[in-house]
PDBML (XML) file of the C-alpha atoms, coordinates in Angstrom:
<?xml version="1.0" encoding="UTF-8" ?>
<PDBx:datablock datablockName="MODEL"
   xmlns:PDBx="http://pdbml.pdb.org/schema/pdbx-v50.xsd"
   xmlns:xsi="http://www.w3.org/2001/XMLSchema-instance"
   xsi:schemaLocation="http://pdbml.pdb.org/schema/pdbx-v50.xsd pdbx-v50.xsd">
   <PDBx:atom_siteCategory>
      <PDBx:atom_site id="1">
         <PDBx:B_iso_or_equiv>0.00</PDBx:B_iso_or_equiv>
         <PDBx:Cartn_x>113.932</PDBx:Cartn_x>
         <PDBx:Cartn_y>41.156</PDBx:Cartn_y>
         <PDBx:Cartn_z>77.511</PDBx:Cartn_z>
         <PDBx:auth_asym_id>A</PDBx:auth_asym_id>
         <PDBx:auth_atom_id>CA</PDBx:auth_atom_id>
         <PDBx:auth_comp_id>ALA</PDBx:auth_comp_id>
         <PDBx:auth_seq_id>1</PDBx:auth_seq_id>
         <PDBx:group_PDB>ATOM</PDBx:group_PDB>
         <PDBx:label_alt_id xsi:nil="true" />
         <PDBx:label_asym_id>A</PDBx:label_asym_id>
         <PDBx:label_atom_id>CA</PDBx:label_atom_id>
         <PDBx:label_comp_id>ALA</PDBx:label_comp_id>
         <PDBx:label_entity_id>1</PDBx:label_entity_id>
         <PDBx:label_seq_id>1</PDBx:label_seq_id>
         <PDBx:occupancy>1.00</PDBx:occupancy>
         <PDBx:pdbx_PDB_model_num>1</PDBx:pdbx_PDB_model_num>
         <PDBx:type_symbol>C</PDBx:type_symbol>
      </PDBx:atom_site>
      <PDBx:atom_site id="2">
         <PDBx:B_iso_or_equiv>0.00</PDBx:B_iso_or_equiv>
         <PDBx:Cartn_x>114.225</PDBx:Cartn_x>
         <PDBx:Cartn_y>43.469</PDBx:Cartn_y>
         <PDBx:Cartn_z>80.644</PDBx:Cartn_z>
         <PDBx:auth_asym_id>A</PDBx:auth_asym_id>
         <PDBx:auth_atom_id>CA</PDBx:auth_atom_id>
         <PDBx:auth_comp_id>ILE</PDBx:auth_comp_id>
         <PDBx:auth_seq_id>2</PDBx:auth_seq_id>
         <PDBx:group_PDB>ATOM</PDBx:group_PDB>
         <PDBx:label_alt_id xsi:nil="true" />
         <PDBx:label_asym_id>A</PDBx:label_asym_id>
         <PDBx:label_atom_id>CA</PDBx:label_atom_id>
         <PDBx:label_comp_id>ILE</PDBx:label_comp_id>
         <PDBx:label_entity_id>1</PDBx:label_entity_id>
         <PDBx:label_seq_id>2</PDBx:label_seq_id>
         <PDBx:occupancy>1.00</PDBx:occupancy>
         <PDBx:pdbx_PDB_model_num>1</PDBx:pdbx_PDB_model_num>
         <PDBx:type_symbol>C</PDBx:type_symbol>
      </PDBx:atom_site>
      <PDBx:atom_site id="3">
         <PDBx:B_iso_or_equiv>0.00</PDBx:B_iso_or_equiv>
         <PDBx:Cartn_x>117.149</PDBx:Cartn_x>
         <PDBx:Cartn_y>41.391</PDBx:Cartn_y>
         <PDBx:Cartn_z>82.012</PDBx:Cartn_z>
         <PDBx:auth_asym_id>A</PDBx:auth_asym_id>
         <PDBx:auth_atom_id>CA</PDBx:auth_atom_id>
         <PDBx:auth_comp_id>SER</PDBx:auth_comp_id>
         <PDBx:auth_seq_id>3</PDBx:auth_seq_id>
         <PDBx:group_PDB>ATOM</PDBx:group_PDB>
         <PDBx:label_alt_id xsi:nil="true" />
         <PDBx:label_asym_id>A</PDBx:label_asym_id>
         <PDBx:label_atom_id>CA</PDBx:label_atom_id>
         <PDBx:label_comp_id>SER</PDBx:label_comp_id>
         <PDBx:label_entity_id>1</PDBx:label_entity_id>
         <PDBx:label_seq_id>3</PDBx:label_seq_id>
         <PDBx:occupancy>1.00</PDBx:occupancy>
         <PDBx:pdbx_PDB_model_num>1</PDBx:pdbx_PDB_model_num>
         <PDBx:type_symbol>C</PDBx:type_symbol>
      </PDBx:atom_site>
      <PDBx:atom_site id="4">
         <PDBx:B_iso_or_equiv>0.00</PDBx:B_iso_or_equiv>
         <PDBx:Cartn_x>119.179</PDBx:Cartn_x>
         <PDBx:Cartn_y>42.057</PDBx:Cartn_y>
         <PDBx:Cartn_z>78.938</PDBx:Cartn_z>
         <PDBx:auth_asym_id>A</PDBx:auth_asym_id>
         <PDBx:auth_atom_id>CA</PDBx:auth_atom_id>
         <PDBx:auth_comp_id>GLN</PDBx:auth_comp_id>
         <PDBx:auth_seq_id>4</PDBx:auth_seq_id>
         <PDBx:group_PDB>ATOM</PDBx:group_PDB>
         <PDBx:label_alt_id xsi:nil="true" />
         <PDBx:label_asym_id>A</PDBx:label_asym_id>
         <PDBx:label_atom_id>CA</PDBx:label_atom_id>
         <PDBx:label_comp_id>GLN</PDBx:label_comp_id>
         <PDBx:label_entity_id>1</PDBx:label_entity_id>
         <PDBx:label_seq_id>4</PDBx:label_seq_id>
         <PDBx:occupancy>1.00</PDBx:occupancy>
         <PDBx:pdbx_PDB_model_num>1</PDBx:pdbx_PDB_model_num>
         <PDBx:type_symbol>C</PDBx:type_symbol>
      </PDBx:atom_site>
      <PDBx:atom_site id="5">
         <PDBx:B_iso_or_equiv>0.00</PDBx:B_iso_or_equiv>
         <PDBx:Cartn_x>119.189</PDBx:Cartn_x>
         <PDBx:Cartn_y>45.815</PDBx:Cartn_y>
         <PDBx:Cartn_z>79.430</PDBx:Cartn_z>
         <PDBx:auth_asym_id>A</PDBx:auth_asym_id>
         <PDBx:auth_atom_id>CA</PDBx:auth_atom_id>
         <PDBx:auth_comp_id>LEU</PDBx:auth_comp_id>
         <PDBx:auth_seq_id>5</PDBx:auth_seq_id>
         <PDBx:group_PDB>ATOM</PDBx:group_PDB>
         <PDBx:label_alt_id xsi:nil="true" />
         <PDBx:label_asym_id>A</PDBx:label_asym_id>
         <PDBx:label_atom_id>CA</PDBx:label_atom_id>
         <PDBx:label_comp_id>LEU</PDBx:label_comp_id>
         <PDBx:label_entity_id>1</PDBx:label_entity_id>
         <PDBx:label_seq_id>5</PDBx:label_seq_id>
         <PDBx:occupancy>1.00</PDBx:occupancy>
         <PDBx:pdbx_PDB_model_num>1</PDBx:pdbx_PDB_model_num>
         <PDBx:type_symbol>C</PDBx:type_symbol>
      </PDBx:atom_site>
      <PDBx:atom_site id="6">
         <PDBx:B_iso_or_equiv>0.00</PDBx:B_iso_or_equiv>
         <PDBx:Cartn_x>121.697</PDBx:Cartn_x>
         <PDBx:Cartn_y>47.753</PDBx:Cartn_y>
         <PDBx:Cartn_z>81.611</PDBx:Cartn_z>
         <PDBx:auth_asym_id>A</PDBx:auth_asym_id>
         <PDBx:auth_atom_id>CA</PDBx:auth_atom_id>
         <PDBx:auth_comp_id>ASN</PDBx:auth_comp_id>
         <PDBx:auth_seq_id>6</PDBx:auth_seq_id>
         <PDBx:group_PDB>ATOM</PDBx:group_PDB>
         <PDBx:label_alt_id xsi:nil="true" />
         <PDBx:label_asym_id>A</PDBx:label_asym_id>
         <PDBx:label_atom_id>CA</PDBx:label_atom_id>
         <PDBx:label_comp_id>ASN</PDBx:label_comp_id>
         <PDBx:label_entity_id>1</PDBx:label_entity_id>
         <PDBx:label_seq_id>6</PDBx:label_seq_id>
         <PDBx:occupancy>1.00</PDBx:occupancy>
         <PDBx:pdbx_PDB_model_num>1</PDBx:pdbx_PDB_model_num>
         <PDBx:type_symbol>C</PDBx:type_symbol>
      </PDBx:atom_site>
      <PDBx:atom_site id="7">
         <PDBx:B_iso_or_equiv>0.00</PDBx:B_iso_or_equiv>
         <PDBx:Cartn_x>119.953</PDBx:Cartn_x>
         <PDBx:Cartn_y>49.875</PDBx:Cartn_y>
         <PDBx:Cartn_z>84.341</PDBx:Cartn_z>
         <PDBx:auth_asym_id>A</PDBx:auth_asym_id>
         <PDBx:auth_atom_id>CA</PDBx:auth_atom_id>
         <PDBx:auth_comp_id>PRO</PDBx:auth_comp_id>
         <PDBx:auth_seq_id>7</PDBx:auth_seq_id>
         <PDBx:group_PDB>ATOM</PDBx:group_PDB>
         <PDBx:label_alt_id xsi:nil="true" />
         <PDBx:label_asym_id>A</PDBx:label_asym_id>
         <PDBx:label_atom_id>CA</PDBx:label_atom_id>
         <PDBx:label_comp_id>PRO</PDBx:label_comp_id>
         <PDBx:label_entity_id>1</PDBx:label_entity_id>
         <PDBx:label_seq_id>7</PDBx:label_seq_id>
         <PDBx:occupancy>1.00</PDBx:occupancy>
         <PDBx:pdbx_PDB_model_num>1</PDBx:pdbx_PDB_model_num>
         <PDBx:type_symbol>C</PDBx:type_symbol>
      </PDBx:atom_site>
      <PDBx:atom_site id="8">
         <PDBx:B_iso_or_equiv>0.00</PDBx:B_iso_or_equiv>
         <PDBx:Cartn_x>122.978</PDBx:Cartn_x>
         <PDBx:Cartn_y>52.109</PDBx:Cartn_y>
         <PDBx:Cartn_z>84.431</PDBx:Cartn_z>
         <PDBx:auth_asym_id>A</PDBx:auth_asym_id>
         <PDBx:auth_atom_id>CA</PDBx:auth_atom_id>
         <PDBx:auth_comp_id>ALA</PDBx:auth_comp_id>
         <PDBx:auth_seq_id>8</PDBx:auth_seq_id>
         <PDBx:group_PDB>ATOM</PDBx:group_PDB>
         <PDBx:label_alt_id xsi:nil="true" />
         <PDBx:label_asym_id>A</PDBx:label_asym_id>
         <PDBx:label_atom_id>CA</PDBx:label_atom_id>
         <PDBx:label_comp_id>ALA</PDBx:label_comp_id>
         <PDBx:label_entity_id>1</PDBx:label_entity_id>
         <PDBx:label_seq_id>8</PDBx:label_seq_id>
         <PDBx:occupancy>1.00</PDBx:occupancy>
         <PDBx:pdbx_PDB_model_num>1</PDBx:pdbx_PDB_model_num>
         <PDBx:type_symbol>C</PDBx:type_symbol>
      </PDBx:atom_site>
      <PDBx:atom_site id="9">
         <PDBx:B_iso_or_equiv>0.00</PDBx:B_iso_or_equiv>
         <PDBx:Cartn_x>122.514</PDBx:Cartn_x>
         <PDBx:Cartn_y>53.160</PDBx:Cartn_y>
         <PDBx:Cartn_z>80.853</PDBx:Cartn_z>
         <PDBx:auth_asym_id>A</PDBx:auth_asym_id>
         <PDBx:auth_atom_id>CA</PDBx:auth_atom_id>
         <PDBx:auth_comp_id>HIS</PDBx:auth_comp_id>
         <PDBx:auth_seq_id>9</PDBx:auth_seq_id>
         <PDBx:group_PDB>ATOM</PDBx:group_PDB>
         <PDBx:label_alt_id xsi:nil="true" />
         <PDBx:label_asym_id>A</PDBx:label_asym_id>
         <PDBx:label_atom_id>CA</PDBx:label_atom_id>
         <PDBx:label_comp_id>HIS</PDBx:label_comp_id>
         <PDBx:label_entity_id>1</PDBx:label_entity_id>
         <PDBx:label_seq_id>9</PDBx:label_seq_id>
         <PDBx:occupancy>1.00</PDBx:occupancy>
         <PDBx:pdbx_PDB_model_num>1</PDBx:pdbx_PDB_model_num>
         <PDBx:type_symbol>C</PDBx:type_symbol>
      </PDBx:atom_site>
      <PDBx:atom_site id="10">
         <PDBx:B_iso_or_equiv>0.00</PDBx:B_iso_or_equiv>
         <PDBx:Cartn_x>120.353</PDBx:Cartn_x>
         <PDBx:Cartn_y>56.138</PDBx:Cartn_y>
         <PDBx:Cartn_z>79.538</PDBx:Cartn_z>
         <PDBx:auth_asym_id>A</PDBx:auth_asym_id>
         <PDBx:auth_atom_id>CA</PDBx:auth_atom_id>
         <PDBx:auth_comp_id>ASP</PDBx:auth_comp_id>
         <PDBx:auth_seq_id>10</PDBx:auth_seq_id>
         <PDBx:group_PDB>ATOM</PDBx:group_PDB>
         <PDBx:label_alt_id xsi:nil="true" />
         <PDBx:label_asym_id>A</PDBx:label_asym_id>
         <PDBx:label_atom_id>CA</PDBx:label_atom_id>
         <PDBx:label_comp_id>ASP</PDBx:label_comp_id>
         <PDBx:label_entity_id>1</PDBx:label_entity_id>
         <PDBx:label_seq_id>10</PDBx:label_seq_id>
         <PDBx:occupancy>1.00</PDBx:occupancy>
         <PDBx:pdbx_PDB_model_num>1</PDBx:pdbx_PDB_model_num>
         <PDBx:type_symbol>C</PDBx:type_symbol>
      </PDBx:atom_site>
      <PDBx:atom_site id="11">
         <PDBx:B_iso_or_equiv>0.00</PDBx:B_iso_or_equiv>
         <PDBx:Cartn_x>117.501</PDBx:Cartn_x>
         <PDBx:Cartn_y>54.480</PDBx:Cartn_y>
         <PDBx:Cartn_z>77.636</PDBx:Cartn_z>
         <PDBx:auth_asym_id>A</PDBx:auth_asym_id>
         <PDBx:auth_atom_id>CA</PDBx:auth_atom_id>
         <PDBx:auth_comp_id>ILE</PDBx:auth_comp_id>
         <PDBx:auth_seq_id>11</PDBx:auth_seq_id>
         <PDBx:group_PDB>ATOM</PDBx:group_PDB>
         <PDBx:label_alt_id xsi:nil="true" />
         <PDBx:label_asym_id>A</PDBx:label_asym_id>
         <PDBx:label_atom_id>CA</PDBx:label_atom_id>
         <PDBx:label_comp_id>ILE</PDBx:label_comp_id>
         <PDBx:label_entity_id>1</PDBx:label_entity_id>
         <PDBx:label_seq_id>11</PDBx:label_seq_id>
         <PDBx:occupancy>1.00</PDBx:occupancy>
         <PDBx:pdbx_PDB_model_num>1</PDBx:pdbx_PDB_model_num>
         <PDBx:type_symbol>C</PDBx:type_symbol>
      </PDBx:atom_site>
      <PDBx:atom_site id="12">
         <PDBx:B_iso_or_equiv>0.00</PDBx:B_iso_or_equiv>
         <PDBx:Cartn_x>114.959</PDBx:Cartn_x>
         <PDBx:Cartn_y>56.038</PDBx:Cartn_y>
         <PDBx:Cartn_z>75.128</PDBx:Cartn_z>
         <PDBx:auth_asym_id>A</PDBx:auth_asym_id>
         <PDBx:auth_atom_id>CA</PDBx:auth_atom_id>
         <PDBx:auth_comp_id>VAL</PDBx:auth_comp_id>
         <PDBx:auth_seq_id>12</PDBx:auth_seq_id>
         <PDBx:group_PDB>ATOM</PDBx:group_PDB>
         <PDBx:label_alt_id xsi:nil="true" />
         <PDBx:label_asym_id>A</PDBx:label_asym_id>
         <PDBx:label_atom_id>CA</PDBx:label_atom_id>
         <PDBx:label_comp_id>VAL</PDBx:label_comp_id>
         <PDBx:label_entity_id>1</PDBx:label_entity_id>
         <PDBx:label_seq_id>12</PDBx:label_seq_id>
         <PDBx:occupancy>1.00</PDBx:occupancy>
         <PDBx:pdbx_PDB_model_num>1</PDBx:pdbx_PDB_model_num>
         <PDBx:type_symbol>C</PDBx:type_symbol>
      </PDBx:atom_site>
      <PDBx:atom_site id="13">
         <PDBx:B_iso_or_equiv>0.00</PDBx:B_iso_or_equiv>
         <PDBx:Cartn_x>111.995</PDBx:Cartn_x>
         <PDBx:Cartn_y>53.976</PDBx:Cartn_y>
         <PDBx:Cartn_z>74.199</PDBx:Cartn_z>
         <PDBx:auth_asym_id>A</PDBx:auth_asym_id>
         <PDBx:auth_atom_id>CA</PDBx:auth_atom_id>
         <PDBx:auth_comp_id>VAL</PDBx:auth_comp_id>
         <PDBx:auth_seq_id>13</PDBx:auth_seq_id>
         <PDBx:group_PDB>ATOM</PDBx:group_PDB>
         <PDBx:label_alt_id xsi:nil="true" />
         <PDBx:label_asym_id>A</PDBx:label_asym_id>
         <PDBx:label_atom_id>CA</PDBx:label_atom_id>
         <PDBx:label_comp_id>VAL</PDBx:label_comp_id>
         <PDBx:label_entity_id>1</PDBx:label_entity_id>
         <PDBx:label_seq_id>13</PDBx:label_seq_id>
         <PDBx:occupancy>1.00</PDBx:occupancy>
         <PDBx:pdbx_PDB_model_num>1</PDBx:pdbx_PDB_model_num>
         <PDBx:type_symbol>C</PDBx:type_symbol>
      </PDBx:atom_site>
      <PDBx:atom_site id="14">
         <PDBx:B_iso_or_equiv>0.00</PDBx:B_iso_or_equiv>
         <PDBx:Cartn_x>110.227</PDBx:Cartn_x>
         <PDBx:Cartn_y>54.730</PDBx:Cartn_y>
         <PDBx:Cartn_z>70.904</PDBx:Cartn_z>
         <PDBx:auth_asym_id>A</PDBx:auth_asym_id>
         <PDBx:auth_atom_id>CA</PDBx:auth_atom_id>
         <PDBx:auth_comp_id>GLN</PDBx:auth_comp_id>
         <PDBx:auth_seq_id>14</PDBx:auth_seq_id>
         <PDBx:group_PDB>ATOM</PDBx:group_PDB>
         <PDBx:label_alt_id xsi:nil="true" />
         <PDBx:label_asym_id>A</PDBx:label_asym_id>
         <PDBx:label_atom_id>CA</PDBx:label_atom_id>
         <PDBx:label_comp_id>GLN</PDBx:label_comp_id>
         <PDBx:label_entity_id>1</PDBx:label_entity_id>
         <PDBx:label_seq_id>14</PDBx:label_seq_id>
         <PDBx:occupancy>1.00</PDBx:occupancy>
         <PDBx:pdbx_PDB_model_num>1</PDBx:pdbx_PDB_model_num>
         <PDBx:type_symbol>C</PDBx:type_symbol>
      </PDBx:atom_site>
      <PDBx:atom_site id="15">
         <PDBx:B_iso_or_equiv>0.00</PDBx:B_iso_or_equiv>
         <PDBx:Cartn_x>107.134</PDBx:Cartn_x>
         <PDBx:Cartn_y>53.376</PDBx:Cartn_y>
         <PDBx:Cartn_z>68.958</PDBx:Cartn_z>
         <PDBx:auth_asym_id>A</PDBx:auth_asym_id>
         <PDBx:auth_atom_id>CA</PDBx:auth_atom_id>
         <PDBx:auth_comp_id>CYS</PDBx:auth_comp_id>
         <PDBx:auth_seq_id>15</PDBx:auth_seq_id>
         <PDBx:group_PDB>ATOM</PDBx:group_PDB>
         <PDBx:label_alt_id xsi:nil="true" />
         <PDBx:label_asym_id>A</PDBx:label_asym_id>
         <PDBx:label_atom_id>CA</PDBx:label_atom_id>
         <PDBx:label_comp_id>CYS</PDBx:label_comp_id>
         <PDBx:label_entity_id>1</PDBx:label_entity_id>
         <PDBx:label_seq_id>15</PDBx:label_seq_id>
         <PDBx:occupancy>1.00</PDBx:occupancy>
         <PDBx:pdbx_PDB_model_num>1</PDBx:pdbx_PDB_model_num>
         <PDBx:type_symbol>C</PDBx:type_symbol>
      </PDBx:atom_site>
      <PDBx:atom_site id="16">
         <PDBx:B_iso_or_equiv>0.00</PDBx:B_iso_or_equiv>
         <PDBx:Cartn_x>105.090</PDBx:Cartn_x>
         <PDBx:Cartn_y>54.811</PDBx:Cartn_y>
         <PDBx:Cartn_z>66.180</PDBx:Cartn_z>
         <PDBx:auth_asym_id>A</PDBx:auth_asym_id>
         <PDBx:auth_atom_id>CA</PDBx:auth_atom_id>
         <PDBx:auth_comp_id>ARG</PDBx:auth_comp_id>
         <PDBx:auth_seq_id>16</PDBx:auth_seq_id>
         <PDBx:group_PDB>ATOM</PDBx:group_PDB>
         <PDBx:label_alt_id xsi:nil="true" />
         <PDBx:label_asym_id>A</PDBx:label_asym_id>
         <PDBx:label_atom_id>CA</PDBx:label_atom_id>
         <PDBx:label_comp_id>ARG</PDBx:label_comp_id>
         <PDBx:label_entity_id>1</PDBx:label_entity_id>
         <PDBx:label_seq_id>16</PDBx:label_seq_id>
         <PDBx:occupancy>1.00</PDBx:occupancy>
         <PDBx:pdbx_PDB_model_num>1</PDBx:pdbx_PDB_model_num>
         <PDBx:type_symbol>C</PDBx:type_symbol>
      </PDBx:atom_site>
      <PDBx:atom_site id="17">
         <PDBx:B_iso_or_equiv>0.00</PDBx:B_iso_or_equiv>
         <PDBx:Cartn_x>103.324</PDBx:Cartn_x>
         <PDBx:Cartn_y>57.615</PDBx:Cartn_y>
         <PDBx:Cartn_z>68.063</PDBx:Cartn_z>
         <PDBx:auth_asym_id>A</PDBx:auth_asym_id>
         <PDBx:auth_atom_id>CA</PDBx:auth_atom_id>
         <PDBx:auth_comp_id>SER</PDBx:auth_comp_id>
         <PDBx:auth_seq_id>17</PDBx:auth_seq_id>
         <PDBx:group_PDB>ATOM</PDBx:group_PDB>
         <PDBx:label_alt_id xsi:nil="true" />
         <PDBx:label_asym_id>A</PDBx:label_asym_id>
         <PDBx:label_atom_id>CA</PDBx:label_atom_id>
         <PDBx:label_comp_id>SER</PDBx:label_comp_id>
         <PDBx:label_entity_id>1</PDBx:label_entity_id>
         <PDBx:label_seq_id>17</PDBx:label_seq_id>
         <PDBx:occupancy>1.00</PDBx:occupancy>
         <PDBx:pdbx_PDB_model_num>1</PDBx:pdbx_PDB_model_num>
         <PDBx:type_symbol>C</PDBx:type_symbol>
      </PDBx:atom_site>
      <PDBx:atom_site id="18">
         <PDBx:B_iso_or_equiv>0.00</PDBx:B_iso_or_equiv>
         <PDBx:Cartn_x>104.559</PDBx:Cartn_x>
         <PDBx:Cartn_y>57.522</PDBx:Cartn_y>
         <PDBx:Cartn_z>71.640</PDBx:Cartn_z>
         <PDBx:auth_asym_id>A</PDBx:auth_asym_id>
         <PDBx:auth_atom_id>CA</PDBx:auth_atom_id>
         <PDBx:auth_comp_id>GLY</PDBx:auth_comp_id>
         <PDBx:auth_seq_id>18</PDBx:auth_seq_id>
         <PDBx:group_PDB>ATOM</PDBx:group_PDB>
         <PDBx:label_alt_id xsi:nil="true" />
         <PDBx:label_asym_id>A</PDBx:label_asym_id>
         <PDBx:label_atom_id>CA</PDBx:label_atom_id>
         <PDBx:label_comp_id>GLY</PDBx:label_comp_id>
         <PDBx:label_entity_id>1</PDBx:label_entity_id>
         <PDBx:label_seq_id>18</PDBx:label_seq_id>
         <PDBx:occupancy>1.00</PDBx:occupancy>
         <PDBx:pdbx_PDB_model_num>1</PDBx:pdbx_PDB_model_num>
         <PDBx:type_symbol>C</PDBx:type_symbol>
      </PDBx:atom_site>
      <PDBx:atom_site id="19">
         <PDBx:B_iso_or_equiv>0.00</PDBx:B_iso_or_equiv>
         <PDBx:Cartn_x>101.675</PDBx:Cartn_x>
         <PDBx:Cartn_y>55.490</PDBx:Cartn_y>
         <PDBx:Cartn_z>73.264</PDBx:Cartn_z>
         <PDBx:auth_asym_id>A</PDBx:auth_asym_id>
         <PDBx:auth_atom_id>CA</PDBx:auth_atom_id>
         <PDBx:auth_comp_id>VAL</PDBx:auth_comp_id>
         <PDBx:auth_seq_id>19</PDBx:auth_seq_id>
         <PDBx:group_PDB>ATOM</PDBx:group_PDB>
         <PDBx:label_alt_id xsi:nil="true" />
         <PDBx:label_asym_id>A</PDBx:label_asym_id>
         <PDBx:label_atom_id>CA</PDBx:label_atom_id>
         <PDBx:label_comp_id>VAL</PDBx:label_comp_id>
         <PDBx:label_entity_id>1</PDBx:label_entity_id>
         <PDBx:label_seq_id>19</PDBx:label_seq_id>
         <PDBx:occupancy>1.00</PDBx:occupancy>
         <PDBx:pdbx_PDB_model_num>1</PDBx:pdbx_PDB_model_num>
         <PDBx:type_symbol>C</PDBx:type_symbol>
      </PDBx:atom_site>
      <PDBx:atom_site id="20">
         <PDBx:B_iso_or_equiv>0.00</PDBx:B_iso_or_equiv>
         <PDBx:Cartn_x>103.168</PDBx:Cartn_x>
         <PDBx:Cartn_y>52.018</PDBx:Cartn_y>
         <PDBx:Cartn_z>73.452</PDBx:Cartn_z>
         <PDBx:auth_asym_id>A</PDBx:auth_asym_id>
         <PDBx:auth_atom_id>CA</PDBx:auth_atom_id>
         <PDBx:auth_comp_id>ARG</PDBx:auth_comp_id>
         <PDBx:auth_seq_id>20</PDBx:auth_seq_id>
         <PDBx:group_PDB>ATOM</PDBx:group_PDB>
         <PDBx:label_alt_id xsi:nil="true" />
         <PDBx:label_asym_id>A</PDBx:label_asym_id>
         <PDBx:label_atom_id>CA</PDBx:label_atom_id>
         <PDBx:label_comp_id>ARG</PDBx:label_comp_id>
         <PDBx:label_entity_id>1</PDBx:label_entity_id>
         <PDBx:label_seq_id>20</PDBx:label_seq_id>
         <PDBx:occupancy>1.00</PDBx:occupancy>
         <PDBx:pdbx_PDB_model_num>1</PDBx:pdbx_PDB_model_num>
         <PDBx:type_symbol>C</PDBx:type_symbol>
      </PDBx:atom_site>
      <PDBx:atom_site id="21">
         <PDBx:B_iso_or_equiv>0.00</PDBx:B_iso_or_equiv>
         <PDBx:Cartn_x>106.593</PDBx:Cartn_x>
         <PDBx:Cartn_y>53.158</PDBx:Cartn_y>
         <PDBx:Cartn_z>74.264</PDBx:Cartn_z>
         <PDBx:auth_asym_id>A</PDBx:auth_asym_id>
         <PDBx:auth_atom_id>CA</PDBx:auth_atom_id>
         <PDBx:auth_comp_id>SER</PDBx:auth_comp_id>
         <PDBx:auth_seq_id>21</PDBx:auth_seq_id>
         <PDBx:group_PDB>ATOM</PDBx:group_PDB>
         <PDBx:label_alt_id xsi:nil="true" />
         <PDBx:label_asym_id>A</PDBx:label_asym_id>
         <PDBx:label_atom_id>CA</PDBx:label_atom_id>
         <PDBx:label_comp_id>SER</PDBx:label_comp_id>
         <PDBx:label_entity_id>1</PDBx:label_entity_id>
         <PDBx:label_seq_id>21</PDBx:label_seq_id>
         <PDBx:occupancy>1.00</PDBx:occupancy>
         <PDBx:pdbx_PDB_model_num>1</PDBx:pdbx_PDB_model_num>
         <PDBx:type_symbol>C</PDBx:type_symbol>
      </PDBx:atom_site>
      <PDBx:atom_site id="22">
         <PDBx:B_iso_or_equiv>0.00</PDBx:B_iso_or_equiv>
         <PDBx:Cartn_x>105.260</PDBx:Cartn_x>
         <PDBx:Cartn_y>55.342</PDBx:Cartn_y>
         <PDBx:Cartn_z>77.167</PDBx:Cartn_z>
         <PDBx:auth_asym_id>A</PDBx:auth_asym_id>
         <PDBx:auth_atom_id>CA</PDBx:auth_atom_id>
         <PDBx:auth_comp_id>ALA</PDBx:auth_comp_id>
         <PDBx:auth_seq_id>22</PDBx:auth_seq_id>
         <PDBx:group_PDB>ATOM</PDBx:group_PDB>
         <PDBx:label_alt_id xsi:nil="true" />
         <PDBx:label_asym_id>A</PDBx:label_asym_id>
         <PDBx:label_atom_id>CA</PDBx:label_atom_id>
         <PDBx:label_comp_id>ALA</PDBx:label_comp_id>
         <PDBx:label_entity_id>1</PDBx:label_entity_id>
         <PDBx:label_seq_id>22</PDBx:label_seq_id>
         <PDBx:occupancy>1.00</PDBx:occupancy>
         <PDBx:pdbx_PDB_model_num>1</PDBx:pdbx_PDB_model_num>
         <PDBx:type_symbol>C</PDBx:type_symbol>
      </PDBx:atom_site>
      <PDBx:atom_site id="23">
         <PDBx:B_iso_or_equiv>0.00</PDBx:B_iso_or_equiv>
         <PDBx:Cartn_x>103.850</PDBx:Cartn_x>
         <PDBx:Cartn_y>52.041</PDBx:Cartn_y>
         <PDBx:Cartn_z>78.741</PDBx:Cartn_z>
         <PDBx:auth_asym_id>A</PDBx:auth_asym_id>
         <PDBx:auth_atom_id>CA</PDBx:auth_atom_id>
         <PDBx:auth_comp_id>SER</PDBx:auth_comp_id>
         <PDBx:auth_seq_id>23</PDBx:auth_seq_id>
         <PDBx:group_PDB>ATOM</PDBx:group_PDB>
         <PDBx:label_alt_id xsi:nil="true" />
         <PDBx:label_asym_id>A</PDBx:label_asym_id>
         <PDBx:label_atom_id>CA</PDBx:label_atom_id>
         <PDBx:label_comp_id>SER</PDBx:label_comp_id>
         <PDBx:label_entity_id>1</PDBx:label_entity_id>
         <PDBx:label_seq_id>23</PDBx:label_seq_id>
         <PDBx:occupancy>1.00</PDBx:occupancy>
         <PDBx:pdbx_PDB_model_num>1</PDBx:pdbx_PDB_model_num>
         <PDBx:type_symbol>C</PDBx:type_symbol>
      </PDBx:atom_site>
      <PDBx:atom_site id="24">
         <PDBx:B_iso_or_equiv>0.00</PDBx:B_iso_or_equiv>
         <PDBx:Cartn_x>107.177</PDBx:Cartn_x>
         <PDBx:Cartn_y>50.214</PDBx:Cartn_y>
         <PDBx:Cartn_z>78.223</PDBx:Cartn_z>
         <PDBx:auth_asym_id>A</PDBx:auth_asym_id>
         <PDBx:auth_atom_id>CA</PDBx:auth_atom_id>
         <PDBx:auth_comp_id>VAL</PDBx:auth_comp_id>
         <PDBx:auth_seq_id>24</PDBx:auth_seq_id>
         <PDBx:group_PDB>ATOM</PDBx:group_PDB>
         <PDBx:label_alt_id xsi:nil="true" />
         <PDBx:label_asym_id>A</PDBx:label_asym_id>
         <PDBx:label_atom_id>CA</PDBx:label_atom_id>
         <PDBx:label_comp_id>VAL</PDBx:label_comp_id>
         <PDBx:label_entity_id>1</PDBx:label_entity_id>
         <PDBx:label_seq_id>24</PDBx:label_seq_id>
         <PDBx:occupancy>1.00</PDBx:occupancy>
         <PDBx:pdbx_PDB_model_num>1</PDBx:pdbx_PDB_model_num>
         <PDBx:type_symbol>C</PDBx:type_symbol>
      </PDBx:atom_site>
   </PDBx:atom_siteCategory>
</PDBx:datablock>
């Protein structure tokens, strides 16, 4: 799905506790 995201945008990644989202 990375190709669907815009590198120029500000992006915040979230999960349940912050562990998985930190890896992403």
